[in-house]
Amino acid sequence: MLKLYPFIQEMINCETTIQKIEVFNRWNLNKCRVFLFDEEKSNFGNIGRSINYGKFNLIGLGDYQKIWVIDENTSNTRDNVLPVARIVNYDLNIFTYINDLYRGRNVPDKENLIKFLNEIKQTHLTNNISTALMERYTTPINSELLAKMIESYVYFDSLEFDVFQSNVPQTLEENKYIWMREIWDDADTYLNNDEAIQHYEAVCCYILKAFILKNTKNLSTESKIAEFKRYCFDELCVFLELEMPLLILFLKNDSSVQEVFKKLQIRAKKLVDKIHNTAWDIFHIRLLEQSVLFDCMEDREVVYLHYFATADSGLAEVLRANPIKMLVYYSRKLIPIRRYSSLDFFTQDELDFYTTEQKVRLREEAVQSIDFRSVKQKLIDELGILLTK
């Protein structure tokens, strides 16, 4: 479990933005950046709303119209002077729809999709498909199809939208074809990003174990939750601060996560696929947070706001169930502060038991040798046995 720096705890206890700025200045946090998501207004003025057309949504990590950023550039001025870059990350579905639209194929809810993509183009957001590529690589992939999808994406990014959807063959500038090749070459990075894929597999393990426990008879809810905690700490050897609260609420049948896990029913068709889809709904938040971390490390003179373009409401429901109140970039780490804290789900005795220096060290050593994909397969086999009973 993540122990908070004292200055973060001070900020959490503050009631006003001015008090938080005072804490920032008092601690002399010139290498820090704090994103606040629950302020009355933003210090960036009107930076644009989220976009929604039918089932197509453009979602931020928080309400960016209320975001307030504190760093060395803004902590001593009334008005923010930093430029803002807005980046849209696409899920696999919309990445696929862009390809189908460019090639004149039928797409679901085409009218709303066109409105959605056109507004993204009109607001001049920076496009990014790294999350879609990573999601694509967790399923069997046809290289020729992927090449065509990348080609369509480059046309979408490079052309005016009415030209893009005209289905008339176009010629791009030479540098765009070079970029197309670079995307293809860089795609191997996502395939070989073992750390990220292992993290995704760990999320799958969390969901599988919680689902199995939830549908295990002759166990009380309290016993299921206790076993879930034990399994995550002692066998998976990893604490996922976003996923743990969500799945404890799931085990409690809490209404706040009903929409997040509504696809997971004991007799649902293609249940394992639905578990994978739910894991991606959650993991996409992790990828957006990781992008924020990289941006903070790379560029201190610009604030990057990441959005997610999706045809699935799952990510929005996860953010709604346990929203981010604050993101803190400090010491090359990104620390999320959400609505729920550890004390909302653990007793002090449990925290003391699981967070001793020895137990933390043993988990850190043990997790290095755990192959979460193999663990996931064992849980899928266990689920299969449960489903035949």
Foldseek 3Di string as FASTA:
>chain_A
DDDDDPLVVQLVPDDAPLSNLVSCVVVVAQLKKKKFAPAPAELVADLDFWDDFPLKTKFFLHGRRRIYMDHPQPSPDPHHDFAEAEEEEEAQLLLVVLLCLLQVHDDPPVVRNLVVLLVCVVSPHHYDHLNNLLVQLVDDDDLVVVLSSLVSVLLSRQDNSVVSRPNDDDDDDPVSVVVSVVVSVCSVVSNPVQVLVQVLLLLLLLLLLLLVLLPDPPDDLVRSLVVSVCCCCPPLLDDDPLRSVLSNCVSVVPPLCCVLCVQQDLPHPPNSVSSSVSSSLVSVSVVQLVVQLVCSVPDVRYHYTYIYIDSHCNNVSSCRSWNFRMWMCDPSDIDTDIPDDVVVPDPPVRCVVCDDPVSNVVSVVVNVPDRSVVVSVVSVVVSVVVSVD
